[in-house]
Amino acid sequence: MVRTERSGNTRRRLSQNFLTDPATARRVVRLAGVDPGGLVLEVGPGDGALTRFLAPAAGRLTAYEIDPRLAGRISRRHPGVRVVRADFTRARPPREPFSVVGNIPYSRTADIVRWCLAAPALTGATLITQWEYAAKRTGGHGRWSRLTVLTWPRWSWEAAGRIPRHRFHPVPRVDAGILLLRRRTAPLLDPDDAEGYRRLVELGFSGLGGSLRASLRRAHPARRVDRALEAAGVRGDTAVGFVSPDRWVTVYRHLRG
């Protein structure tokens, strides 16, 4: 009884919700498209729902599990998997190409995504997140976040489906989503354009003016802004959050001249 209570407290403290549906786990691994000869890092394997299918699919699998009890269980069940008892976000990214897969703690989503975006050799991440997070980052409600727009020239963001909350234990309060984050083989903009594009996005999301047109006209000639928006198919009164990332790239190209 005491052991059960301690386990429950640990799950709550570490924001652990274990996937219990094998069909969903298989689908997540299939979507990850792991390289059979490559390196995969799994974030928070927990009870091993994903590890069970990742281990035979990946050339090498390293699982980061901060809970020592669960880390020991993964080691016993999957002797071919390298298990690291540590916080994934404090790990040094591999220098060779690798991918990330995980049913990640909801409370650590932003930190884990930030780690992935900063890893130079990461090819892609397949993450189970809160559904609202996946929708927010991928335009699921017709709106696009600043982070998505900023990283769009180098990264694609896609929501690959919704997972009902009852497929987890303990059952969380909200549904989950499958977020696919992929590094583009050919960036949409040249590296020399990175800083200029960043400044444009920061200006657009400054919140001043009420629309993308009004924000951009604070730093660019009105006619050039209007021509850029027209080329991108953006109405002049469109709020910043409703402009898709592809259109941001088009606007930047036209303003750059």
Protein backbone atom coordinates (compact mmCIF):
# COMPACT_ATOMS: atom_id res chain seq x y z
CA MET A 1 0.00 0.00 0.00
CA VAL A 2 2.80 2.39 0.91
CA ARG A 3 4.70 1.41 -2.24
CA THR A 4 1.65 2.14 -4.42
CA GLU A 5 1.21 5.58 -2.89
CA ARG A 6 4.89 6.40 -3.37
CA SER A 7 4.66 5.29 -7.00
CA GLY A 8 1.61 7.52 -7.51
CA ASN A 9 3.38 10.50 -6.00
CA THR A 10 6.38 9.92 -8.25
CA ARG A 11 4.19 9.80 -11.36
CA ARG A 12 2.54 13.07 -10.45
CA ARG A 13 5.85 14.75 -9.61
CA LEU A 14 7.45 13.66 -12.87
CA SER A 15 4.29 14.30 -14.93
CA GLN A 16 4.15 10.65 -16.01
CA ASN A 17 1.23 9.35 -18.06
CA PHE A 18 2.04 5.94 -19.53
CA LEU A 19 0.72 4.92 -22.95
CA THR A 20 -1.27 1.70 -22.61
CA ASP A 21 -2.40 1.06 -26.19
CA PRO A 22 0.03 -1.09 -28.26
CA ALA A 23 -1.63 -0.10 -31.56
CA THR A 24 -0.98 3.57 -30.85
CA ALA A 25 2.60 2.81 -29.84
CA ARG A 26 3.20 0.94 -33.10
CA ARG A 27 1.78 3.86 -35.06
CA VAL A 28 4.02 6.38 -33.31
CA VAL A 29 7.11 4.30 -34.08
CA ARG A 30 5.99 3.85 -37.68
CA LEU A 31 5.51 7.61 -38.05
CA ALA A 32 8.98 8.17 -36.62
CA GLY A 33 10.45 6.30 -39.60
CA VAL A 34 13.61 5.49 -37.67
CA ASP A 35 16.75 4.55 -39.57
CA PRO A 36 17.41 0.82 -38.97
CA GLY A 37 21.12 1.60 -38.95
CA GLY A 38 20.93 4.90 -37.11
CA LEU A 39 20.82 6.30 -33.60
CA VAL A 40 17.55 7.03 -31.79
CA LEU A 41 17.12 8.75 -28.43
CA GLU A 42 13.95 7.95 -26.52
CA VAL A 43 12.73 10.51 -24.01
CA GLY A 44 11.08 9.09 -20.90
CA PRO A 45 10.40 5.45 -21.87
CA GLY A 46 8.37 4.90 -18.70
CA ASP A 47 6.88 1.41 -18.82
CA GLY A 48 8.40 0.80 -22.26
CA ALA A 49 5.29 1.10 -24.44
CA LEU A 50 7.30 2.71 -27.25
CA THR A 51 10.60 1.00 -26.37
CA ARG A 52 9.01 -2.36 -27.14
CA PHE A 53 8.69 -1.34 -30.82
CA LEU A 54 11.60 1.07 -31.05
CA ALA A 55 14.23 -1.41 -29.88
CA PRO A 56 13.88 -3.82 -32.84
CA ALA A 57 13.40 -0.96 -35.35
CA ALA A 58 16.39 1.21 -34.43
CA GLY A 59 20.01 0.44 -35.10
CA ARG A 60 20.94 1.84 -31.68
CA LEU A 61 18.53 3.05 -29.03
CA THR A 62 19.43 5.18 -26.02
CA ALA A 63 16.62 5.72 -23.52
CA TYR A 64 16.69 8.63 -21.06
CA GLU A 65 14.68 7.85 -17.92
CA ILE A 66 14.96 9.99 -14.80
CA ASP A 67 12.96 7.59 -12.60
CA PRO A 68 15.47 4.96 -11.30
CA ARG A 69 12.77 2.33 -10.76
CA LEU A 70 11.59 2.58 -14.37
CA ALA A 71 15.14 2.83 -15.71
CA GLY A 72 15.96 -0.49 -14.05
CA ARG A 73 12.85 -2.10 -15.49
CA ILE A 74 13.72 -0.97 -19.04
CA SER A 75 17.25 -2.33 -18.64
CA ARG A 76 15.94 -5.74 -17.58
CA ARG A 77 13.30 -5.98 -20.28
CA HIS A 78 15.44 -4.63 -23.12
CA PRO A 79 19.09 -5.57 -22.53
CA GLY A 80 20.12 -4.22 -25.94
CA VAL A 81 18.95 -0.70 -25.07
CA ARG A 82 21.37 1.76 -23.48
CA VAL A 83 19.53 3.30 -20.54
CA VAL A 84 20.69 6.62 -19.13
CA ARG A 85 19.33 7.68 -15.74
CA ALA A 86 19.38 11.42 -16.32
CA ASP A 87 17.36 14.46 -17.36
CA PHE A 88 17.21 14.38 -21.14
CA THR A 89 17.34 18.17 -21.46
CA ARG A 90 20.75 18.21 -19.77
CA ALA A 91 22.24 15.66 -22.15
CA ARG A 92 24.82 16.68 -24.73
CA PRO A 93 23.40 16.12 -28.24
CA PRO A 94 25.18 13.46 -30.31
CA ARG A 95 27.46 14.71 -33.05
CA GLU A 96 26.24 12.11 -35.54
CA PRO A 97 22.80 12.25 -37.17
CA PHE A 98 20.09 11.02 -34.80
CA SER A 99 16.36 11.20 -34.16
CA VAL A 100 14.26 11.62 -31.04
CA VAL A 101 11.08 9.73 -30.11
CA GLY A 102 9.13 9.97 -26.89
CA ASN A 103 5.95 10.11 -24.88
CA ILE A 104 7.22 13.19 -23.11
CA PRO A 105 6.11 14.70 -19.79
CA TYR A 106 3.62 17.44 -20.58
CA SER A 107 5.21 19.78 -18.04
CA ARG A 108 8.58 19.53 -19.85
CA THR A 109 7.34 19.88 -23.42
CA ALA A 110 8.74 23.35 -24.06
CA ASP A 111 12.17 22.41 -22.66
CA ILE A 112 12.38 19.22 -24.71
CA VAL A 113 11.30 20.91 -27.95
CA ARG A 114 13.82 23.69 -27.32
CA TRP A 115 16.57 21.07 -26.84
CA CYS A 116 15.61 19.39 -30.11
CA LEU A 117 15.63 22.61 -32.10
CA ALA A 118 19.10 23.45 -30.79
CA ALA A 119 20.66 20.05 -31.57
CA PRO A 120 22.80 20.49 -34.72
CA ALA A 121 22.70 16.84 -35.83
CA LEU A 122 19.03 16.09 -35.09
CA THR A 123 17.14 14.95 -38.16
CA GLY A 124 13.69 14.85 -36.59
CA ALA A 125 11.60 14.32 -33.47
CA THR A 126 8.36 12.37 -33.04
CA LEU A 127 6.76 13.42 -29.77
CA ILE A 128 3.55 12.65 -27.91
CA THR A 129 2.46 15.96 -26.40
CA GLN A 130 -0.72 17.53 -25.15
CA TRP A 131 -3.11 17.88 -28.07
CA GLU A 132 -3.39 21.63 -27.60
CA TYR A 133 0.37 22.03 -27.82
CA ALA A 134 0.53 20.05 -31.07
CA ALA A 135 -2.39 22.00 -32.51
CA LYS A 136 -0.91 25.36 -31.48
CA ARG A 137 2.42 24.63 -33.15
CA THR A 138 0.93 23.29 -36.39
CA GLY A 139 -1.90 25.70 -37.19
CA GLY A 140 -4.55 23.29 -35.95
CA HIS A 141 -6.94 26.11 -35.06
CA GLY A 142 -6.07 28.29 -38.03
CA ARG A 143 -3.48 30.13 -35.94
CA TRP A 144 0.30 29.81 -35.99
CA SER A 145 2.70 30.36 -33.13
CA ARG A 146 5.75 32.61 -33.19
CA LEU A 147 8.06 29.64 -32.58
CA THR A 148 6.72 27.76 -35.59
CA VAL A 149 7.05 30.79 -37.86
CA LEU A 150 10.58 31.51 -36.63
CA THR A 151 11.83 27.98 -37.26
CA TRP A 152 9.84 27.23 -40.41
CA PRO A 153 12.66 27.84 -42.92
CA ARG A 154 14.66 25.00 -41.28
CA TRP A 155 11.97 22.84 -39.63
CA SER A 156 8.57 21.46 -40.62
CA TRP A 157 5.89 21.02 -37.96
CA GLU A 158 3.03 18.56 -38.38
CA ALA A 159 0.31 17.15 -36.13
CA ALA A 160 -0.13 13.49 -37.09
CA GLY A 161 -3.23 12.68 -35.10
CA ARG A 162 -4.98 12.88 -31.77
CA ILE A 163 -4.72 10.23 -29.03
CA PRO A 164 -7.71 9.92 -26.66
CA ARG A 165 -6.72 10.49 -23.05
CA HIS A 166 -8.12 7.12 -21.91
CA ARG A 167 -5.23 5.38 -23.71
CA PHE A 168 -2.91 6.52 -20.91
CA HIS A 169 -2.49 5.61 -17.27
CA PRO A 170 -3.05 7.50 -15.09
CA VAL A 171 -5.66 9.06 -17.35
CA PRO A 172 -4.70 12.72 -17.95
CA ARG A 173 -7.24 15.51 -18.13
CA VAL A 174 -6.70 16.17 -21.82
CA ASP A 175 -6.12 14.27 -25.06
CA ALA A 176 -2.64 13.90 -26.53
CA GLY A 177 -1.33 14.58 -30.02
CA ILE A 178 1.51 13.23 -32.15
CA LEU A 179 3.86 16.04 -33.12
CA LEU A 180 6.28 15.53 -36.00
CA LEU A 181 9.23 17.91 -36.06
CA ARG A 182 11.47 17.42 -39.12
CA ARG A 183 14.64 19.20 -40.20
CA ARG A 184 14.41 20.22 -43.85
CA THR A 185 17.02 18.70 -46.13
CA ALA A 186 17.02 21.99 -48.07
CA PRO A 187 16.21 25.10 -45.96
CA LEU A 188 13.65 27.48 -47.44
CA LEU A 189 16.04 30.41 -46.97
CA ASP A 190 19.79 30.80 -47.25
CA PRO A 191 21.76 30.89 -43.98
CA ASP A 192 22.62 34.54 -44.71
CA ASP A 193 18.92 35.35 -44.49
CA ALA A 194 18.44 33.86 -41.02
CA GLU A 195 18.96 37.08 -39.07
CA GLY A 196 16.89 39.20 -41.43
CA TYR A 197 14.03 36.72 -41.29
CA ARG A 198 14.22 36.58 -37.50
CA ARG A 199 13.98 40.38 -37.28
CA LEU A 200 10.98 40.38 -39.61
CA VAL A 201 9.13 37.76 -37.51
CA GLU A 202 9.95 39.59 -34.27
CA LEU A 203 8.62 42.81 -35.78
CA GLY A 204 5.48 41.12 -37.00
CA PHE A 205 4.77 39.51 -33.63
CA SER A 206 5.51 42.72 -31.73
CA GLY A 207 1.78 43.16 -31.22
CA LEU A 208 1.81 46.75 -32.42
CA GLY A 209 -0.67 47.88 -35.05
CA GLY A 210 -3.24 45.10 -34.80
CA SER A 211 -2.33 43.44 -38.10
CA LEU A 212 0.75 42.12 -39.87
CA ARG A 213 0.51 44.99 -42.35
CA ALA A 214 0.48 47.63 -39.63
CA SER A 215 3.37 46.03 -37.77
CA LEU A 216 5.58 45.72 -40.85
CA ARG A 217 4.89 49.28 -42.00
CA ARG A 218 6.61 50.53 -38.87
CA ALA A 219 9.95 49.51 -40.42
CA HIS A 220 9.27 49.13 -44.17
CA PRO A 221 7.80 51.44 -46.85
CA ALA A 222 4.05 51.05 -47.10
CA ARG A 223 4.05 50.21 -50.81
CA ARG A 224 6.67 47.51 -50.42
CA VAL A 225 4.71 45.96 -47.55
CA ASP A 226 1.51 45.99 -49.57
CA ARG A 227 3.20 44.38 -52.57
CA ALA A 228 4.80 41.71 -50.38
CA LEU A 229 1.48 40.87 -48.72
CA GLU A 230 -0.27 40.73 -52.07
CA ALA A 231 2.39 38.35 -53.43
CA ALA A 232 1.89 36.12 -50.39
CA GLY A 233 -1.88 36.19 -50.64
CA VAL A 234 -2.29 37.92 -47.27
CA ARG A 235 -5.05 40.48 -46.74
CA GLY A 236 -3.93 43.76 -45.27
CA ASP A 237 -6.07 43.42 -42.15
CA THR A 238 -4.98 39.86 -41.33
CA ALA A 239 -3.86 39.40 -37.72
CA VAL A 240 -0.33 38.11 -37.29
CA GLY A 241 -1.28 34.73 -35.84
CA PHE A 242 -3.42 33.85 -38.87
CA VAL A 243 -0.57 34.16 -41.37
CA SER A 244 0.83 30.74 -42.26
CA PRO A 245 4.61 30.18 -42.11
CA ASP A 246 4.94 29.66 -45.87
CA ARG A 247 3.42 33.08 -46.43
CA TRP A 248 5.83 34.62 -43.95
CA VAL A 249 8.71 33.29 -46.04
CA THR A 250 7.17 34.79 -49.19
CA VAL A 251 6.69 38.15 -47.49
CA TYR A 252 10.31 38.15 -46.36
CA ARG A 253 11.59 37.35 -49.86
CA HIS A 254 9.65 40.24 -51.36
CA LEU A 255 10.63 42.74 -48.68
CA ARG A 256 14.25 41.69 -49.04
CA GLY A 257 13.95 42.52 -52.71
